[in-house]
Amino acid sequence: MTVKDLDTKAKFIRGFSDKTRLQILESIKENEKTVSQIVDELRGNQSNISQHLACLKGCGLIVGRQEGKYVYYSLRNEQISEMLTMIDLVFSQVEKEIDKCDSHLY
């Protein structure tokens, strides 16, 4: 694997590395939603949510579908949904060790 491939993979994984982005992904996991619906559900502000949606779109994790004046966001494909489920499964297995992770980052 080349350095460029690793850089691209790191950008993709970055989409999963923020609490708000994970909340958005979970929010649209079952049904597509508009920005307003996501903002209401997450109790966030529209500017912040829109920035995170742009990041998720740029990472290739979500797509937007224009209908009239609204854009409906959904996961790019079923594999992204399966990835979220897999993250939950692995997390449940390593949850107790995660506290040790921070001490090795710096």
N, C-alpha and C. Protein backbone atom coordinates (compact mmCIF):
# COMPACT_ATOMS: atom_id res chain seq x y z
N MET A 1 0.86 -1.18 0.00
CA MET A 1 0.00 0.00 0.00
C MET A 1 0.90 1.24 0.00
N THR A 2 0.58 2.19 -0.84
CA THR A 2 1.40 3.40 -0.95
C THR A 2 1.04 4.40 0.15
N VAL A 3 1.92 5.38 0.33
CA VAL A 3 1.66 6.45 1.30
C VAL A 3 0.40 7.20 0.91
N LYS A 4 0.20 7.44 -0.38
CA LYS A 4 -1.01 8.14 -0.85
C LYS A 4 -2.26 7.33 -0.49
N ASP A 5 -2.19 6.01 -0.67
CA ASP A 5 -3.32 5.15 -0.30
C ASP A 5 -3.62 5.26 1.19
N LEU A 6 -2.56 5.26 2.00
CA LEU A 6 -2.75 5.37 3.45
C LEU A 6 -3.32 6.73 3.83
N ASP A 7 -2.87 7.80 3.15
CA ASP A 7 -3.42 9.13 3.41
C ASP A 7 -4.91 9.17 3.09
N THR A 8 -5.28 8.58 1.97
CA THR A 8 -6.68 8.55 1.57
C THR A 8 -7.51 7.72 2.55
N LYS A 9 -6.97 6.61 2.98
CA LYS A 9 -7.66 5.76 3.96
C LYS A 9 -7.84 6.51 5.27
N ALA A 10 -6.82 7.25 5.70
CA ALA A 10 -6.91 8.04 6.94
C ALA A 10 -8.00 9.10 6.82
N LYS A 11 -8.12 9.74 5.65
CA LYS A 11 -9.18 10.74 5.44
C LYS A 11 -10.56 10.09 5.55
N PHE A 12 -10.69 8.91 4.96
CA PHE A 12 -11.95 8.18 5.03
C PHE A 12 -12.31 7.87 6.49
N ILE A 13 -11.35 7.36 7.24
CA ILE A 13 -11.58 6.99 8.64
C ILE A 13 -11.87 8.22 9.49
N ARG A 14 -11.32 9.37 9.11
CA ARG A 14 -11.57 10.61 9.84
C ARG A 14 -13.08 10.91 9.93
N GLY A 15 -13.84 10.47 8.94
CA GLY A 15 -15.28 10.68 8.97
C GLY A 15 -15.95 10.05 10.18
N PHE A 16 -15.34 9.00 10.72
CA PHE A 16 -15.88 8.30 11.87
C PHE A 16 -15.30 8.81 13.19
N SER A 17 -14.36 9.76 13.14
CA SER A 17 -13.58 10.10 14.32
C SER A 17 -14.08 11.30 15.10
N ASP A 18 -15.32 11.66 14.93
CA ASP A 18 -15.88 12.81 15.65
C ASP A 18 -17.27 12.43 16.18
N LYS A 19 -17.55 12.84 17.41
CA LYS A 19 -18.82 12.49 18.05
C LYS A 19 -20.02 12.98 17.24
N THR A 20 -19.98 14.21 16.78
CA THR A 20 -21.12 14.76 16.02
C THR A 20 -21.29 14.00 14.71
N ARG A 21 -20.19 13.70 14.04
CA ARG A 21 -20.31 12.96 12.78
C ARG A 21 -20.87 11.56 13.01
N LEU A 22 -20.45 10.92 14.09
CA LEU A 22 -21.03 9.61 14.42
C LEU A 22 -22.53 9.72 14.71
N GLN A 23 -22.92 10.79 15.42
CA GLN A 23 -24.35 11.00 15.69
C GLN A 23 -25.12 11.17 14.39
N ILE A 24 -24.56 11.91 13.46
CA ILE A 24 -25.22 12.12 12.16
C ILE A 24 -25.35 10.79 11.43
N LEU A 25 -24.27 10.02 11.39
CA LEU A 25 -24.31 8.73 10.70
C LEU A 25 -25.37 7.81 11.32
N GLU A 26 -25.42 7.78 12.64
CA GLU A 26 -26.44 6.96 13.32
C GLU A 26 -27.84 7.49 13.03
N SER A 27 -27.98 8.81 12.95
CA SER A 27 -29.27 9.44 12.70
C SER A 27 -29.84 9.06 11.34
N ILE A 28 -28.97 8.95 10.34
CA ILE A 28 -29.44 8.66 8.98
C ILE A 28 -29.22 7.20 8.59
N LYS A 29 -28.87 6.39 9.55
CA LYS A 29 -28.59 4.98 9.27
C LYS A 29 -29.81 4.26 8.70
N GLU A 30 -30.97 4.54 9.23
CA GLU A 30 -32.19 3.85 8.79
C GLU A 30 -32.98 4.63 7.74
N ASN A 31 -33.00 5.97 7.86
CA ASN A 31 -33.81 6.79 6.96
C ASN A 31 -33.07 8.06 6.58
N GLU A 32 -33.25 8.48 5.34
CA GLU A 32 -32.66 9.74 4.92
C GLU A 32 -33.34 10.90 5.65
N LYS A 33 -32.59 11.99 5.84
CA LYS A 33 -33.13 13.14 6.57
C LYS A 33 -32.58 14.42 5.98
N THR A 34 -33.32 15.50 6.20
CA THR A 34 -32.86 16.83 5.81
C THR A 34 -31.95 17.39 6.90
N VAL A 35 -31.24 18.46 6.58
CA VAL A 35 -30.39 19.12 7.57
C VAL A 35 -31.23 19.53 8.78
N SER A 36 -32.39 20.11 8.53
CA SER A 36 -33.26 20.56 9.64
C SER A 36 -33.66 19.41 10.54
N GLN A 37 -33.99 18.28 9.96
CA GLN A 37 -34.36 17.11 10.77
C GLN A 37 -33.17 16.63 11.61
N ILE A 38 -31.98 16.64 11.02
CA ILE A 38 -30.78 16.22 11.75
C ILE A 38 -30.47 17.21 12.86
N VAL A 39 -30.57 18.51 12.57
CA VAL A 39 -30.32 19.55 13.57
C VAL A 39 -31.28 19.38 14.75
N ASP A 40 -32.56 19.18 14.45
CA ASP A 40 -33.55 19.00 15.51
C ASP A 40 -33.25 17.76 16.35
N GLU A 41 -32.93 16.67 15.70
CA GLU A 41 -32.67 15.42 16.40
C GLU A 41 -31.43 15.50 17.29
N LEU A 42 -30.38 16.14 16.77
CA LEU A 42 -29.12 16.23 17.52
C LEU A 42 -29.07 17.43 18.45
N ARG A 43 -30.06 18.30 18.33
CA ARG A 43 -30.11 19.54 19.11
C ARG A 43 -28.83 20.36 18.92
N GLY A 44 -28.38 20.41 17.66
CA GLY A 44 -27.18 21.16 17.32
C GLY A 44 -27.55 22.45 16.61
N ASN A 45 -26.52 23.15 16.11
CA ASN A 45 -26.84 24.33 15.31
C ASN A 45 -26.57 24.01 13.84
N GLN A 46 -27.32 24.66 12.98
CA GLN A 46 -27.31 24.31 11.56
C GLN A 46 -25.93 24.47 10.92
N SER A 47 -25.22 25.52 11.28
CA SER A 47 -23.89 25.76 10.71
C SER A 47 -22.94 24.60 11.03
N ASN A 48 -22.92 24.20 12.29
CA ASN A 48 -22.04 23.12 12.72
C ASN A 48 -22.41 21.81 12.05
N ILE A 49 -23.69 21.50 12.03
CA ILE A 49 -24.16 20.24 11.41
C ILE A 49 -23.84 20.25 9.92
N SER A 50 -24.03 21.39 9.26
CA SER A 50 -23.73 21.48 7.83
C SER A 50 -22.25 21.25 7.55
N GLN A 51 -21.39 21.76 8.41
CA GLN A 51 -19.95 21.53 8.25
C GLN A 51 -19.62 20.05 8.38
N HIS A 52 -20.23 19.40 9.34
CA HIS A 52 -20.00 17.97 9.52
C HIS A 52 -20.57 17.16 8.35
N LEU A 53 -21.71 17.56 7.83
CA LEU A 53 -22.28 16.89 6.66
C LEU A 53 -21.34 17.02 5.47
N ALA A 54 -20.75 18.21 5.30
CA ALA A 54 -19.80 18.42 4.20
C ALA A 54 -18.59 17.50 4.36
N CYS A 55 -18.11 17.35 5.59
CA CYS A 55 -16.99 16.46 5.86
C CYS A 55 -17.37 15.01 5.52
N LEU A 56 -18.53 14.58 5.99
CA LEU A 56 -18.98 13.21 5.72
C LEU A 56 -19.14 12.95 4.23
N LYS A 57 -19.64 13.95 3.53
CA LYS A 57 -19.80 13.83 2.08
C LYS A 57 -18.42 13.75 1.42
N GLY A 58 -17.50 14.61 1.88
CA GLY A 58 -16.15 14.61 1.34
C GLY A 58 -15.39 13.33 1.63
N CYS A 59 -15.73 12.67 2.72
CA CYS A 59 -15.10 11.38 3.08
C CYS A 59 -15.75 10.22 2.32
N GLY A 60 -16.83 10.50 1.60
CA GLY A 60 -17.49 9.46 0.83
C GLY A 60 -18.45 8.60 1.61
N LEU A 61 -18.83 9.06 2.81
CA LEU A 61 -19.69 8.24 3.67
C LEU A 61 -21.17 8.47 3.43
N ILE A 62 -21.54 9.67 2.98
CA ILE A 62 -22.95 9.99 2.77
C ILE A 62 -23.15 10.59 1.39
N VAL A 63 -24.40 10.63 0.98
CA VAL A 63 -24.80 11.28 -0.26
C VAL A 63 -25.99 12.18 0.03
N GLY A 64 -26.18 13.17 -0.82
CA GLY A 64 -27.32 14.07 -0.71
C GLY A 64 -28.19 13.95 -1.95
N ARG A 65 -29.49 14.01 -1.73
CA ARG A 65 -30.46 13.93 -2.83
C ARG A 65 -31.34 15.17 -2.77
N GLN A 66 -31.30 15.97 -3.82
CA GLN A 66 -32.09 17.20 -3.88
C GLN A 66 -33.53 16.89 -4.25
N GLU A 67 -34.46 17.43 -3.46
CA GLU A 67 -35.88 17.32 -3.78
C GLU A 67 -36.50 18.67 -3.46
N GLY A 68 -36.82 19.42 -4.50
CA GLY A 68 -37.31 20.78 -4.29
C GLY A 68 -36.23 21.62 -3.63
N LYS A 69 -36.60 22.30 -2.56
CA LYS A 69 -35.60 23.13 -1.87
C LYS A 69 -34.85 22.37 -0.77
N TYR A 70 -35.14 21.10 -0.60
CA TYR A 70 -34.51 20.31 0.46
C TYR A 70 -33.48 19.33 -0.11
N VAL A 71 -32.44 19.10 0.68
CA VAL A 71 -31.47 18.05 0.38
C VAL A 71 -31.65 16.97 1.44
N TYR A 72 -31.85 15.76 0.99
CA TYR A 72 -32.01 14.62 1.89
C TYR A 72 -30.70 13.84 1.93
N TYR A 73 -30.18 13.63 3.14
CA TYR A 73 -28.91 12.94 3.32
C TYR A 73 -29.16 11.50 3.75
N SER A 74 -28.33 10.61 3.20
CA SER A 74 -28.40 9.20 3.57
C SER A 74 -26.99 8.61 3.49
N LEU A 75 -26.84 7.44 4.07
CA LEU A 75 -25.57 6.74 3.97
C LEU A 75 -25.33 6.38 2.51
N ARG A 76 -24.08 6.38 2.09
CA ARG A 76 -23.74 6.10 0.69
C ARG A 76 -24.24 4.72 0.25
N ASN A 77 -24.10 3.72 1.13
CA ASN A 77 -24.51 2.36 0.75
C ASN A 77 -24.67 1.51 2.01
N GLU A 78 -25.11 0.30 1.81
CA GLU A 78 -25.36 -0.62 2.92
C GLU A 78 -24.06 -0.98 3.66
N GLN A 79 -22.94 -0.96 2.96
CA GLN A 79 -21.67 -1.30 3.60
C GLN A 79 -21.31 -0.29 4.69
N ILE A 80 -21.67 0.98 4.52
CA ILE A 80 -21.41 1.98 5.56
C ILE A 80 -22.24 1.64 6.80
N SER A 81 -23.49 1.24 6.59
CA SER A 81 -24.34 0.83 7.70
C SER A 81 -23.75 -0.39 8.40
N GLU A 82 -23.26 -1.35 7.61
CA GLU A 82 -22.64 -2.53 8.19
C GLU A 82 -21.37 -2.17 8.96
N MET A 83 -20.63 -1.18 8.46
CA MET A 83 -19.44 -0.72 9.17
C MET A 83 -19.78 -0.14 10.53
N LEU A 84 -20.85 0.66 10.58
CA LEU A 84 -21.30 1.23 11.86
C LEU A 84 -21.67 0.12 12.83
N THR A 85 -22.35 -0.90 12.34
CA THR A 85 -22.71 -2.04 13.17
C THR A 85 -21.46 -2.77 13.65
N MET A 86 -20.49 -2.94 12.76
CA MET A 86 -19.24 -3.62 13.11
C MET A 86 -18.47 -2.80 14.15
N ILE A 87 -18.45 -1.48 14.01
CA ILE A 87 -17.78 -0.63 15.00
C ILE A 87 -18.42 -0.84 16.37
N ASP A 88 -19.75 -0.90 16.43
CA ASP A 88 -20.45 -1.15 17.69
C ASP A 88 -20.06 -2.49 18.28
N LEU A 89 -19.96 -3.51 17.45
CA LEU A 89 -19.60 -4.84 17.91
C LEU A 89 -18.18 -4.86 18.48
N VAL A 90 -17.23 -4.32 17.74
CA VAL A 90 -15.85 -4.29 18.20
C VAL A 90 -15.73 -3.43 19.45
N PHE A 91 -16.43 -2.29 19.46
CA PHE A 91 -16.40 -1.40 20.63
C PHE A 91 -16.85 -2.14 21.88
N SER A 92 -17.91 -2.92 21.77
CA SER A 92 -18.41 -3.65 22.95
C SER A 92 -17.37 -4.64 23.47
N GLN A 93 -16.49 -5.11 22.60
CA GLN A 93 -15.47 -6.08 23.01
C GLN A 93 -14.23 -5.42 23.61
N VAL A 94 -13.97 -4.16 23.26
CA VAL A 94 -12.73 -3.50 23.72
C VAL A 94 -13.00 -2.29 24.61
N GLU A 95 -14.24 -2.07 24.93
CA GLU A 95 -14.66 -0.87 25.67
C GLU A 95 -13.81 -0.61 26.92
N LYS A 96 -13.50 -1.65 27.66
CA LYS A 96 -12.76 -1.48 28.92
C LYS A 96 -11.32 -1.02 28.69
N GLU A 97 -10.73 -1.35 27.56
CA GLU A 97 -9.35 -0.99 27.27
C GLU A 97 -9.20 0.41 26.66
N ILE A 98 -10.28 1.00 26.21
CA ILE A 98 -10.21 2.27 25.48
C ILE A 98 -9.61 3.40 26.32
N ASP A 99 -9.83 3.41 27.61
CA ASP A 99 -9.25 4.45 28.47
C ASP A 99 -7.74 4.51 28.35
N LYS A 100 -7.11 3.38 28.10
CA LYS A 100 -5.65 3.32 27.97
C LYS A 100 -5.16 3.93 26.66
N CYS A 101 -6.02 4.08 25.69
CA CYS A 101 -5.65 4.59 24.39
C CYS A 101 -5.08 6.00 24.46
N ASP A 102 -5.74 6.90 25.19
CA ASP A 102 -5.31 8.30 25.28
C ASP A 102 -3.89 8.44 25.79
N SER A 103 -3.48 7.60 26.71
CA SER A 103 -2.16 7.74 27.31
C SER A 103 -1.03 7.41 26.33
N HIS A 104 -1.35 6.79 25.21
CA HIS A 104 -0.32 6.41 24.25
C HIS A 104 -0.28 7.31 23.02
N LEU A 105 -1.13 8.33 22.98
CA LEU A 105 -1.20 9.18 21.80
C LEU A 105 -0.12 10.25 21.78
N TYR A 106 0.42 10.63 22.90
CA TYR A 106 1.34 11.77 22.93
C TYR A 106 2.71 11.39 23.40
